[in-house]
């Protein structure tokens, strides 16, 4: 029982820290780079997360297949979205790249 309370408190704490850090850098380019990098890295866990979520509602063999397919789509979308967001955050600094070329 206590384990569930600690896990819930930890999840809430992580969410609060993540959301507050995101609002501190509201529209800066560093915010886009950090958010894009976090989105790219965290999208790796979409397949297992989706399989677990589907296993709670769908029967056993079908849940693995549907979770894998949906997780793969979410992973690809997360990686591509993260790369685009990271690139849009790095775009203002592209003018300085000419100085190093």
PDB file of N, CA and C in Angstrom:
ATOM      1  N   UNK A   1       0.810  -1.185   0.000  1.00  0.00           N
ATOM      2  CA  UNK A   1       0.000   0.000   0.000  1.00  0.00           C
ATOM      3  C   UNK A   1       0.864   1.264   0.000  1.00  0.00           C
ATOM      4  N   UNK A   2       1.881   1.268   0.840  1.00  0.00           N
ATOM      5  CA  UNK A   2       2.752   2.440   0.907  1.00  0.00           C
ATOM      6  C   UNK A   2       3.545   2.620  -0.380  1.00  0.00           C
ATOM      7  N   UNK A   3       3.862   1.508  -1.020  1.00  0.00           N
ATOM      8  CA  UNK A   3       4.639   1.585  -2.254  1.00  0.00           C
ATOM      9  C   UNK A   3       3.866   2.359  -3.317  1.00  0.00           C
ATOM     10  N   UNK A   4       2.562   2.121  -3.402  1.00  0.00           N
ATOM     11  CA  UNK A   4       1.748   2.817  -4.387  1.00  0.00           C
ATOM     12  C   UNK A   4       1.678   4.317  -4.098  1.00  0.00           C
ATOM     13  N   UNK A   5       1.626   4.660  -2.830  1.00  0.00           N
ATOM     14  CA  UNK A   5       1.590   6.077  -2.462  1.00  0.00           C
ATOM     15  C   UNK A   5       2.899   6.755  -2.833  1.00  0.00           C
ATOM     16  N   UNK A   6       4.022   6.098  -2.563  1.00  0.00           N
ATOM     17  CA  UNK A   6       5.315   6.670  -2.913  1.00  0.00           C
ATOM     18  C   UNK A   6       5.473   6.805  -4.419  1.00  0.00           C
ATOM     19  N   UNK A   7       5.009   5.827  -5.162  1.00  0.00           N
ATOM     20  CA  UNK A   7       5.111   5.899  -6.620  1.00  0.00           C
ATOM     21  C   UNK A   7       4.262   7.048  -7.146  1.00  0.00           C
ATOM     22  N   UNK A   8       3.053   7.205  -6.641  1.00  0.00           N
ATOM     23  CA  UNK A   8       2.199   8.301  -7.077  1.00  0.00           C
ATOM     24  C   UNK A   8       2.802   9.652  -6.722  1.00  0.00           C
ATOM     25  N   UNK A   9       3.377   9.758  -5.530  1.00  0.00           N
ATOM     26  CA  UNK A   9       4.000  11.019  -5.133  1.00  0.00           C
ATOM     27  C   UNK A   9       5.206  11.327  -6.015  1.00  0.00           C
ATOM     28  N   UNK A  10       5.969  10.311  -6.366  1.00  0.00           N
ATOM     29  CA  UNK A  10       7.123  10.507  -7.235  1.00  0.00           C
ATOM     30  C   UNK A  10       6.686  10.942  -8.630  1.00  0.00           C
ATOM     31  N   UNK A  11       5.643  10.351  -9.147  1.00  0.00           N
ATOM     32  CA  UNK A  11       5.142  10.732 -10.468  1.00  0.00           C
ATOM     33  C   UNK A  11       4.655  12.178 -10.455  1.00  0.00           C
ATOM     34  N   UNK A  12       3.928  12.555  -9.431  1.00  0.00           N
ATOM     35  CA  UNK A  12       3.439  13.933  -9.327  1.00  0.00           C
ATOM     36  C   UNK A  12       4.600  14.907  -9.217  1.00  0.00           C
ATOM     37  N   UNK A  13       5.620  14.570  -8.443  1.00  0.00           N
ATOM     38  CA  UNK A  13       6.783  15.428  -8.286  1.00  0.00           C
ATOM     39  C   UNK A  13       7.513  15.615  -9.607  1.00  0.00           C
ATOM     40  N   UNK A  14       7.718  14.533 -10.334  1.00  0.00           N
ATOM     41  CA  UNK A  14       8.399  14.619 -11.627  1.00  0.00           C
ATOM     42  C   UNK A  14       7.592  15.469 -12.608  1.00  0.00           C
ATOM     43  N   UNK A  15       6.272  15.287 -12.609  1.00  0.00           N
ATOM     44  CA  UNK A  15       5.432  16.075 -13.505  1.00  0.00           C
ATOM     45  C   UNK A  15       5.481  17.559 -13.154  1.00  0.00           C
ATOM     46  N   UNK A  16       5.444  17.878 -11.861  1.00  0.00           N
ATOM     47  CA  UNK A  16       5.497  19.281 -11.459  1.00  0.00           C
ATOM     48  C   UNK A  16       6.825  19.922 -11.824  1.00  0.00           C
ATOM     49  N   UNK A  17       7.904  19.205 -11.624  1.00  0.00           N
ATOM     50  CA  UNK A  17       9.218  19.742 -11.972  1.00  0.00           C
ATOM     51  C   UNK A  17       9.327  19.918 -13.478  1.00  0.00           C
ATOM     52  N   UNK A  18       8.855  18.941 -14.217  1.00  0.00           N
ATOM     53  CA  UNK A  18       8.919  19.031 -15.670  1.00  0.00           C
ATOM     54  C   UNK A  18       8.086  20.159 -16.227  1.00  0.00           C
ATOM     55  N   UNK A  19       6.864  20.318 -15.730  1.00  0.00           N
ATOM     56  CA  UNK A  19       6.007  21.382 -16.223  1.00  0.00           C
ATOM     57  C   UNK A  19       6.513  22.752 -15.800  1.00  0.00           C
ATOM     58  N   UNK A  20       7.014  22.872 -14.588  1.00  0.00           N
ATOM     59  CA  UNK A  20       7.509  24.172 -14.148  1.00  0.00           C
ATOM     60  C   UNK A  20       8.765  24.556 -14.922  1.00  0.00           C
ATOM     61  N   UNK A  21       9.622  23.590 -15.217  1.00  0.00           N
ATOM     62  CA  UNK A  21      10.815  23.896 -16.000  1.00  0.00           C
ATOM     63  C   UNK A  21      10.439  24.299 -17.419  1.00  0.00           C
ATOM     64  N   UNK A  22       9.378  23.703 -17.930  1.00  0.00           N
ATOM     65  CA  UNK A  22       8.956  24.050 -19.279  1.00  0.00           C
ATOM     66  C   UNK A  22       8.412  25.474 -19.330  1.00  0.00           C
ATOM     67  N   UNK A  23       7.701  25.912 -18.274  1.00  0.00           N
ATOM     68  CA  UNK A  23       7.148  27.256 -18.280  1.00  0.00           C
ATOM     69  C   UNK A  23       8.194  28.318 -17.955  1.00  0.00           C
ATOM     70  N   UNK A  24       9.295  27.946 -17.344  1.00  0.00           N
ATOM     71  CA  UNK A  24      10.337  28.922 -17.079  1.00  0.00           C
ATOM     72  C   UNK A  24      10.968  29.412 -18.371  1.00  0.00           C
ATOM     73  N   UNK A  25      11.112  28.507 -19.342  1.00  0.00           N
ATOM     74  CA  UNK A  25      11.666  28.864 -20.642  1.00  0.00           C
ATOM     75  C   UNK A  25      10.531  28.863 -21.657  1.00  0.00           C
ATOM     76  N   UNK A  26       9.587  29.740 -21.492  1.00  0.00           N
ATOM     77  CA  UNK A  26       8.333  29.659 -22.234  1.00  0.00           C
ATOM     78  C   UNK A  26       8.528  29.566 -23.740  1.00  0.00           C
ATOM     79  N   UNK A  27       9.163  30.499 -24.353  1.00  0.00           N
ATOM     80  CA  UNK A  27       9.291  30.472 -25.802  1.00  0.00           C
ATOM     81  C   UNK A  27      10.732  30.663 -26.261  1.00  0.00           C
ATOM     82  N   UNK A  28      11.676  30.335 -25.446  1.00  0.00           N
ATOM     83  CA  UNK A  28      13.064  30.502 -25.856  1.00  0.00           C
ATOM     84  C   UNK A  28      13.489  29.340 -26.740  1.00  0.00           C
ATOM     85  N   UNK A  29      14.512  29.566 -27.511  1.00  0.00           N
ATOM     86  CA  UNK A  29      14.982  28.512 -28.402  1.00  0.00           C
ATOM     87  C   UNK A  29      15.616  27.367 -27.620  1.00  0.00           C
ATOM     88  N   UNK A  30      16.185  27.675 -26.450  1.00  0.00           N
ATOM     89  CA  UNK A  30      16.735  26.608 -25.623  1.00  0.00           C
ATOM     90  C   UNK A  30      15.627  25.678 -25.151  1.00  0.00           C
ATOM     91  N   UNK A  31      14.464  26.245 -24.896  1.00  0.00           N
ATOM     92  CA  UNK A  31      13.319  25.436 -24.479  1.00  0.00           C
ATOM     93  C   UNK A  31      12.941  24.443 -25.564  1.00  0.00           C
ATOM     94  N   UNK A  32      12.931  24.902 -26.794  1.00  0.00           N
ATOM     95  CA  UNK A  32      12.594  24.002 -27.900  1.00  0.00           C
ATOM     96  C   UNK A  32      13.642  22.905 -28.057  1.00  0.00           C
ATOM     97  N   UNK A  33      14.903  23.270 -27.884  1.00  0.00           N
ATOM     98  CA  UNK A  33      15.946  22.255 -28.015  1.00  0.00           C
ATOM     99  C   UNK A  33      15.846  21.218 -26.902  1.00  0.00           C
ATOM    100  N   UNK A  34      15.624  21.655 -25.678  1.00  0.00           N
ATOM    101  CA  UNK A  34      15.530  20.735 -24.541  1.00  0.00           C
ATOM    102  C   UNK A  34      14.286  19.864 -24.656  1.00  0.00           C
ATOM    103  N   UNK A  35      13.153  20.476 -25.001  1.00  0.00           N
ATOM    104  CA  UNK A  35      11.914  19.717 -25.136  1.00  0.00           C
ATOM    105  C   UNK A  35      12.016  18.712 -26.275  1.00  0.00           C
ATOM    106  N   UNK A  36      12.605  19.115 -27.389  1.00  0.00           N
ATOM    107  CA  UNK A  36      12.779  18.203 -28.512  1.00  0.00           C
ATOM    108  C   UNK A  36      13.694  17.042 -28.179  1.00  0.00           C
ATOM    109  N   UNK A  37      14.764  17.329 -27.452  1.00  0.00           N
ATOM    110  CA  UNK A  37      15.674  16.257 -27.042  1.00  0.00           C
ATOM    111  C   UNK A  37      14.979  15.308 -26.081  1.00  0.00           C
ATOM    112  N   UNK A  38      14.235  15.849 -25.137  1.00  0.00           N
ATOM    113  CA  UNK A  38      13.504  14.996 -24.194  1.00  0.00           C
ATOM    114  C   UNK A  38      12.445  14.166 -24.900  1.00  0.00           C
ATOM    115  N   UNK A  39      11.775  14.759 -25.871  1.00  0.00           N
ATOM    116  CA  UNK A  39      10.765  14.018 -26.634  1.00  0.00           C
ATOM    117  C   UNK A  39      11.397  12.901 -27.456  1.00  0.00           C
ATOM    118  N   UNK A  40      12.550  13.161 -28.031  1.00  0.00           N
ATOM    119  CA  UNK A  40      13.237  12.139 -28.821  1.00  0.00           C
ATOM    120  C   UNK A  40      13.700  10.989 -27.939  1.00  0.00           C
ATOM    121  N   UNK A  41      14.281  11.306 -26.792  1.00  0.00           N
ATOM    122  CA  UNK A  41      14.796  10.269 -25.900  1.00  0.00           C
ATOM    123  C   UNK A  41      13.664   9.470 -25.260  1.00  0.00           C
ATOM    124  N   UNK A  42      12.610  10.162 -24.844  1.00  0.00           N
ATOM    125  CA  UNK A  42      11.525   9.464 -24.156  1.00  0.00           C
ATOM    126  C   UNK A  42      10.638   8.662 -25.082  1.00  0.00           C
ATOM    127  N   UNK A  43      10.699   8.910 -26.383  1.00  0.00           N
ATOM    128  CA  UNK A  43       9.847   8.157 -27.301  1.00  0.00           C
ATOM    129  C   UNK A  43      10.293   6.709 -27.441  1.00  0.00           C
ATOM    130  N   UNK A  44      11.469   6.387 -26.953  1.00  0.00           N
ATOM    131  CA  UNK A  44      11.934   5.000 -26.982  1.00  0.00           C
ATOM    132  C   UNK A  44      11.057   4.111 -26.110  1.00  0.00           C
ATOM    133  N   UNK A  45      10.482   4.686 -25.070  1.00  0.00           N
ATOM    134  CA  UNK A  45       9.679   3.909 -24.132  1.00  0.00           C
ATOM    135  C   UNK A  45       8.208   3.814 -24.525  1.00  0.00           C
ATOM    136  N   UNK A  46       7.857   4.286 -25.704  1.00  0.00           N
ATOM    137  CA  UNK A  46       6.451   4.259 -26.115  1.00  0.00           C
ATOM    138  C   UNK A  46       5.956   2.839 -26.366  1.00  0.00           C
ATOM    139  N   UNK A  47       6.777   1.973 -26.938  1.00  0.00           N
ATOM    140  CA  UNK A  47       6.325   0.609 -27.238  1.00  0.00           C
ATOM    141  C   UNK A  47       6.004  -0.171 -25.962  1.00  0.00           C
ATOM    142  N   UNK A  48       6.911  -0.258 -24.979  1.00  0.00           N
ATOM    143  CA  UNK A  48       6.543  -0.984 -23.763  1.00  0.00           C
ATOM    144  C   UNK A  48       5.375  -0.341 -23.015  1.00  0.00           C
ATOM    145  N   UNK A  49       5.330   0.980 -23.006  1.00  0.00           N
ATOM    146  CA  UNK A  49       4.252   1.678 -22.313  1.00  0.00           C
ATOM    147  C   UNK A  49       2.903   1.353 -22.957  1.00  0.00           C
ATOM    148  N   UNK A  50       2.862   1.316 -24.271  1.00  0.00           N
ATOM    149  CA  UNK A  50       1.617   1.039 -24.976  1.00  0.00           C
ATOM    150  C   UNK A  50       1.219  -0.427 -24.831  1.00  0.00           C
ATOM    151  N   UNK A  51       2.187  -1.328 -24.810  1.00  0.00           N
ATOM    152  CA  UNK A  51       1.874  -2.748 -24.610  1.00  0.00           C
ATOM    153  C   UNK A  51       1.247  -2.952 -23.232  1.00  0.00           C
ATOM    154  N   UNK A  52       1.804  -2.324 -22.217  1.00  0.00           N
ATOM    155  CA  UNK A  52       1.257  -2.456 -20.864  1.00  0.00           C
ATOM    156  C   UNK A  52      -0.150  -1.863 -20.799  1.00  0.00           C
ATOM    157  N   UNK A  53      -0.338  -0.722 -21.430  1.00  0.00           N
ATOM    158  CA  UNK A  53      -1.655  -0.087 -21.409  1.00  0.00           C
ATOM    159  C   UNK A  53      -2.690  -0.946 -22.139  1.00  0.00           C
ATOM    160  N   UNK A  54      -2.310  -1.557 -23.275  1.00  0.00           N
ATOM    161  CA  UNK A  54      -3.235  -2.413 -24.011  1.00  0.00           C
ATOM    162  C   UNK A  54      -3.497  -3.726 -23.271  1.00  0.00           C
ATOM    163  N   UNK A  55      -2.533  -4.198 -22.511  1.00  0.00           N
ATOM    164  CA  UNK A  55      -2.734  -5.466 -21.805  1.00  0.00           C
ATOM    165  C   UNK A  55      -3.782  -5.347 -20.702  1.00  0.00           C
ATOM    166  N   UNK A  56      -4.095  -4.133 -20.302  1.00  0.00           N
ATOM    167  CA  UNK A  56      -5.114  -3.939 -19.273  1.00  0.00           C
ATOM    168  C   UNK A  56      -6.526  -3.971 -19.848  1.00  0.00           C
ATOM    169  N   UNK A  57      -6.666  -3.789 -21.155  1.00  0.00           N
ATOM    170  CA  UNK A  57      -8.001  -3.708 -21.740  1.00  0.00           C
ATOM    171  C   UNK A  57      -8.283  -4.762 -22.805  1.00  0.00           C
ATOM    172  N   UNK A  58      -7.255  -5.329 -23.411  1.00  0.00           N
ATOM    173  CA  UNK A  58      -7.427  -6.256 -24.530  1.00  0.00           C
ATOM    174  C   UNK A  58      -6.885  -7.623 -24.108  1.00  0.00           C
ATOM    175  N   UNK A  59      -7.401  -8.695 -24.720  1.00  0.00           N
ATOM    176  CA  UNK A  59      -6.953 -10.047 -24.374  1.00  0.00           C
ATOM    177  C   UNK A  59      -5.487 -10.234 -24.733  1.00  0.00           C
ATOM    178  N   UNK A  60      -4.871 -11.264 -24.155  1.00  0.00           N
ATOM    179  CA  UNK A  60      -3.410 -11.426 -24.147  1.00  0.00           C
ATOM    180  C   UNK A  60      -2.737 -11.364 -25.521  1.00  0.00           C
ATOM    181  N   UNK A  61      -2.970 -12.253 -26.464  1.00  0.00           N
ATOM    182  CA  UNK A  61      -2.123 -12.176 -27.662  1.00  0.00           C
ATOM    183  C   UNK A  61      -2.393 -10.926 -28.498  1.00  0.00           C
ATOM    184  N   UNK A  62      -3.608 -10.458 -28.487  1.00  0.00           N
ATOM    185  CA  UNK A  62      -3.941  -9.287 -29.294  1.00  0.00           C
ATOM    186  C   UNK A  62      -3.338  -8.024 -28.686  1.00  0.00           C
ATOM    187  N   UNK A  63      -3.245  -7.977 -27.371  1.00  0.00           N
ATOM    188  CA  UNK A  63      -2.717  -6.781 -26.721  1.00  0.00           C
ATOM    189  C   UNK A  63      -1.260  -6.538 -27.069  1.00  0.00           C
ATOM    190  N   UNK A  64      -0.497  -7.601 -27.217  1.00  0.00           N
ATOM    191  CA  UNK A  64       0.917  -7.439 -27.565  1.00  0.00           C
ATOM    192  C   UNK A  64       1.057  -6.896 -28.980  1.00  0.00           C
ATOM    193  N   UNK A  65       0.260  -7.430 -29.895  1.00  0.00           N
ATOM    194  CA  UNK A  65       0.346  -6.987 -31.289  1.00  0.00           C
ATOM    195  C   UNK A  65      -0.134  -5.548 -31.438  1.00  0.00           C
ATOM    196  N   UNK A  66      -1.312  -5.250 -30.879  1.00  0.00           N
ATOM    197  CA  UNK A  66      -1.832  -3.891 -31.019  1.00  0.00           C
ATOM    198  C   UNK A  66      -0.971  -2.875 -30.263  1.00  0.00           C
ATOM    199  N   UNK A  67      -0.445  -3.269 -29.123  1.00  0.00           N
ATOM    200  CA  UNK A  67       0.440  -2.377 -28.381  1.00  0.00           C
ATOM    201  C   UNK A  67       1.738  -2.104 -29.117  1.00  0.00           C
ATOM    202  N   UNK A  68       2.257  -3.128 -29.766  1.00  0.00           N
ATOM    203  CA  UNK A  68       3.497  -2.955 -30.530  1.00  0.00           C
ATOM    204  C   UNK A  68       3.282  -2.055 -31.738  1.00  0.00           C
ATOM    205  N   UNK A  69       2.183  -2.264 -32.446  1.00  0.00           N
ATOM    206  CA  UNK A  69       1.919  -1.452 -33.638  1.00  0.00           C
ATOM    207  C   UNK A  69       1.672   0.007 -33.257  1.00  0.00           C
ATOM    208  N   UNK A  70       0.805   0.226 -32.277  1.00  0.00           N
ATOM    209  CA  UNK A  70       0.534   1.606 -31.860  1.00  0.00           C
ATOM    210  C   UNK A  70       1.781   2.244 -31.255  1.00  0.00           C
ATOM    211  N   UNK A  71       2.539   1.477 -30.482  1.00  0.00           N
ATOM    212  CA  UNK A  71       3.770   2.002 -29.897  1.00  0.00           C
ATOM    213  C   UNK A  71       4.805   2.363 -30.946  1.00  0.00           C
ATOM    214  N   UNK A  72       4.861   1.568 -32.020  1.00  0.00           N
ATOM    215  CA  UNK A  72       5.798   1.880 -33.108  1.00  0.00           C
ATOM    216  C   UNK A  72       5.421   3.191 -33.783  1.00  0.00           C
ATOM    217  N   UNK A  73       4.129   3.394 -34.014  1.00  0.00           N
ATOM    218  CA  UNK A  73       3.693   4.656 -34.610  1.00  0.00           C
ATOM    219  C   UNK A  73       3.995   5.827 -33.674  1.00  0.00           C
ATOM    220  N   UNK A  74       3.750   5.640 -32.393  1.00  0.00           N
ATOM    221  CA  UNK A  74       4.027   6.706 -31.438  1.00  0.00           C
ATOM    222  C   UNK A  74       5.539   6.976 -31.329  1.00  0.00           C
ATOM    223  N   UNK A  75       6.342   5.919 -31.433  1.00  0.00           N
ATOM    224  CA  UNK A  75       7.791   6.099 -31.372  1.00  0.00           C
ATOM    225  C   UNK A  75       8.292   6.893 -32.567  1.00  0.00           C
ATOM    226  N   UNK A  76       7.833   6.512 -33.750  1.00  0.00           N
ATOM    227  CA  UNK A  76       8.265   7.233 -34.958  1.00  0.00           C
ATOM    228  C   UNK A  76       7.798   8.683 -34.900  1.00  0.00           C
ATOM    229  N   UNK A  77       6.551   8.894 -34.491  1.00  0.00           N
ATOM    230  CA  UNK A  77       6.049  10.266 -34.376  1.00  0.00           C
ATOM    231  C   UNK A  77       6.799  11.073 -33.342  1.00  0.00           C
ATOM    232  N   UNK A  78       7.133  10.446 -32.215  1.00  0.00           N
ATOM    233  CA  UNK A  78       7.876  11.146 -31.172  1.00  0.00           C
ATOM    234  C   UNK A  78       9.288  11.499 -31.594  1.00  0.00           C
ATOM    235  N   UNK A  79       9.937  10.577 -32.295  1.00  0.00           N
ATOM    236  CA  UNK A  79      11.307  10.846 -32.752  1.00  0.00           C
ATOM    237  C   UNK A  79      11.305  11.954 -33.806  1.00  0.00           C
ATOM    238  N   UNK A  80      10.402  11.847 -34.783  1.00  0.00           N
ATOM    239  CA  UNK A  80      10.362  12.879 -35.824  1.00  0.00           C
ATOM    240  C   UNK A  80       9.955  14.234 -35.252  1.00  0.00           C
ATOM    241  N   UNK A  81       8.958  14.246 -34.368  1.00  0.00           N
ATOM    242  CA  UNK A  81       8.558  15.500 -33.737  1.00  0.00           C
ATOM    243  C   UNK A  81       9.658  16.091 -32.883  1.00  0.00           C
ATOM    244  N   UNK A  82      10.381  15.231 -32.168  1.00  0.00           N
ATOM    245  CA  UNK A  82      11.490  15.708 -31.345  1.00  0.00           C
ATOM    246  C   UNK A  82      12.624  16.277 -32.165  1.00  0.00           C
ATOM    247  N   UNK A  83      12.914  15.629 -33.289  1.00  0.00           N
ATOM    248  CA  UNK A  83      13.984  16.127 -34.172  1.00  0.00           C
ATOM    249  C   UNK A  83      13.589  17.477 -34.768  1.00  0.00           C
ATOM    250  N   UNK A  84      12.339  17.592 -35.193  1.00  0.00           N
ATOM    251  CA  UNK A  84      11.878  18.865 -35.761  1.00  0.00           C
ATOM    252  C   UNK A  84      11.888  19.966 -34.700  1.00  0.00           C
ATOM    253  N   UNK A  85      11.459  19.646 -33.498  1.00  0.00           N
ATOM    254  CA  UNK A  85      11.448  20.656 -32.439  1.00  0.00           C
ATOM    255  C   UNK A  85      12.866  21.052 -32.032  1.00  0.00           C
ATOM    256  N   UNK A  86      13.775  20.086 -31.993  1.00  0.00           N
ATOM    257  CA  UNK A  86      15.172  20.407 -31.693  1.00  0.00           C
ATOM    258  C   UNK A  86      15.766  21.276 -32.789  1.00  0.00           C
ATOM    259  N   UNK A  87      15.452  20.955 -34.041  1.00  0.00           N
ATOM    260  CA  UNK A  87      15.960  21.753 -35.153  1.00  0.00           C
ATOM    261  C   UNK A  87      15.384  23.164 -35.139  1.00  0.00           C
ATOM    262  N   UNK A  88      14.101  23.289 -34.785  1.00  0.00           N
ATOM    263  CA  UNK A  88      13.516  24.633 -34.726  1.00  0.00           C
ATOM    264  C   UNK A  88      14.113  25.437 -33.576  1.00  0.00           C
ATOM    265  N   UNK A  89      14.536  24.775 -32.525  1.00  0.00           N
ATOM    266  CA  UNK A  89      15.203  25.480 -31.440  1.00  0.00           C
ATOM    267  C   UNK A  89      16.623  25.883 -31.797  1.00  0.00           C
ATOM    268  N   UNK A  90      17.264  25.097 -32.626  1.00  0.00           N
ATOM    269  CA  UNK A  90      18.645  25.392 -33.017  1.00  0.00           C
ATOM    270  C   UNK A  90      18.725  26.351 -34.197  1.00  0.00           C
ATOM    271  N   UNK A  91      17.605  26.587 -34.851  1.00  0.00           N
ATOM    272  CA  UNK A  91      17.590  27.429 -36.039  1.00  0.00           C
ATOM    273  C   UNK A  91      18.087  28.854 -35.790  1.00  0.00           C
ATOM    274  N   UNK A  92      17.740  29.503 -34.680  1.00  0.00           N
ATOM    275  CA  UNK A  92      18.267  30.859 -34.471  1.00  0.00           C
ATOM    276  C   UNK A  92      19.791  30.912 -34.346  1.00  0.00           C
ATOM    277  N   UNK A  93      20.405  29.805 -33.995  1.00  0.00           N
ATOM    278  CA  UNK A  93      21.859  29.790 -33.845  1.00  0.00           C
ATOM    279  C   UNK A  93      22.570  29.407 -35.132  1.00  0.00           C
ATOM    280  N   UNK A  94      21.837  29.148 -36.194  1.00  0.00           N
ATOM    281  CA  UNK A  94      22.457  28.732 -37.452  1.00  0.00           C
ATOM    282  C   UNK A  94      23.292  29.865 -38.068  1.00  0.00           C
ATOM    283  N   UNK A  95      22.936  31.105 -37.789  1.00  0.00           N
ATOM    284  CA  UNK A  95      23.687  32.225 -38.355  1.00  0.00           C
ATOM    285  C   UNK A  95      25.119  32.264 -37.838  1.00  0.00           C
ATOM    286  N   UNK A  96      25.352  31.695 -36.648  1.00  0.00           N
ATOM    287  CA  UNK A  96      26.706  31.682 -36.104  1.00  0.00           C
ATOM    288  C   UNK A  96      27.543  30.545 -36.665  1.00  0.00           C
ATOM    289  N   UNK A  97      26.926  29.590 -37.325  1.00  0.00           N
ATOM    290  CA  UNK A  97      27.670  28.463 -37.888  1.00  0.00           C
ATOM    291  C   UNK A  97      28.576  28.930 -39.028  1.00  0.00           C
ATOM    292  N   UNK A  98      28.195  29.986 -39.706  1.00  0.00           N
ATOM    293  CA  UNK A  98      29.020  30.502 -40.813  1.00  0.00           C
ATOM    294  C   UNK A  98      30.354  31.009 -40.301  1.00  0.00           C
ATOM    295  N   UNK A  99      30.418  31.452 -39.062  1.00  0.00           N
ATOM    296  CA  UNK A  99      31.666  31.941 -38.503  1.00  0.00           C
ATOM    297  C   UNK A  99      32.670  30.822 -38.277  1.00  0.00           C
ATOM    298  N   UNK A 100      32.189  29.597 -38.073  1.00  0.00           N
ATOM    299  CA  UNK A 100      33.081  28.482 -37.807  1.00  0.00           C
ATOM    300  C   UNK A 100      33.382  27.660 -39.046  1.00  0.00           C
ATOM    301  N   UNK A 101      32.762  27.957 -40.162  1.00  0.00           N
ATOM    302  CA  UNK A 101      32.974  27.174 -41.388  1.00  0.00           C
ATOM    303  C   UNK A 101      34.173  27.638 -42.137  1.00  0.00           C
TER     304      UNK A 101
END
